Each structure stands twice: as C-alpha cells, then as structure tokens.
Amino acid sequence: MILGPIGSGRRMLPMAPADVHASGGIGVAARLQQLRFAAIRGDREAIKGLIPEFVALDRSHNSPFHLYNMDQHTLVLITTLLADASVNARVSDALVVAAILHDIGKPNTAKPSPKDATVTQYIKHDVVGADEVAPPILDRLEISGQERDQIIAIIRFHMRPVDLLGQLANGQLQDKTIS
C-alpha cells in the first residue's frame, strides 16, 4: 500500500497503488477514497485539504433548521449515512462527495432574514451550489461523467423534499390523487 499526504500534510491515508499517476499525483479514485475516509473520521482538516471551499462552511448556521454549524451538519449527515457497515458498503463515493458539497452554496447566499435579523437565510443555496460553486471543485478533483452529473443533481435537488413539504403545509400544493 502506498501512503499519500492529505490536507495540511499531517494526515496520511492509504491510496491504491494503481491510482498513483506517473507525475506523482493521485487519481480520481484515490481522491474520492481520501474524501470518504476523511468524512467517516469527521476530519475537517483533511476535507479542507482537498476542498478548500469547505472552510467557508466553518461558521454558525444561525438557522432554526439545524442544530449544528454548517460543517458539523455536513459531517453528522455523512457519519449517519455511513454508520451502518452494510449501508456504508453500498454508498457510492459520488454520494459521499455530494453529501460533503450539498450546502457548499450557503456561504454565497447568506443573508439576514427580513423577519428576524438574528436568523440567516440561504435562499437558492442548492442552485448556487450546483451551478456555481461545485463545478470548479469537481473539475479540480477531476470528477466527470455520470459521477459528476449525479453529484450536481443531488446538490441541486437536495432541498426539493423540504420545499414540497413547505408548499403542502402552506396550502400551495394539493395532492391531486385524493378525490
């Protein structure tokens, strides 16, 4: 097994020998593996080493919807997703990357709520994350093709269930299947 540095150079994670480029750099599979291991361990510094934009999530939510600040929320999501070994084995690396990046648009959309200035709103953070923030990150990580499309789609639509529930609760959405 070949060991490669991650993050600030203090962390060492295993890399598959077949995924080491002749230039000495690591390939996509190794980067995805490093992100997965870092996320499972809750290692913010390792994640920030591969995705420097993650630093911007390192602040309070000021939101009634989350108990944690943004980066903690993301790590809790991932550790919950991967906690069960039988589930972990079936979760793709693309889903792990999407979970890491799902709120990456929040720093660019943060605004005080007009109703309560102590609460921060992140209107359209899903769209901004999918269309503006995530693509350069995925380019840098050399993630392309179907994996890239899946990651972008998950980021873009991760708020859809919440939006639909809100519309239903506000009477803006009606179930047409009920007569």
Foldseek 3Di string as FASTA:
>chain_A
DDWDAAFPRPDIDDADPVQQDPVRHGALVRLLVQLLVCLLVVPQRRNCRLVVLLVLQPDAQLAPPDPGGRSVVLSVVSNVQCVDPVSVVVDDSLVNVLSSQLQSQQSVQWDQDPVGSSHTDRPQSLVCSLPPPVPVSCVSSVNDDPSNVVSSVCSNCVCVVVVVVVCVVVVNDDDPVPD
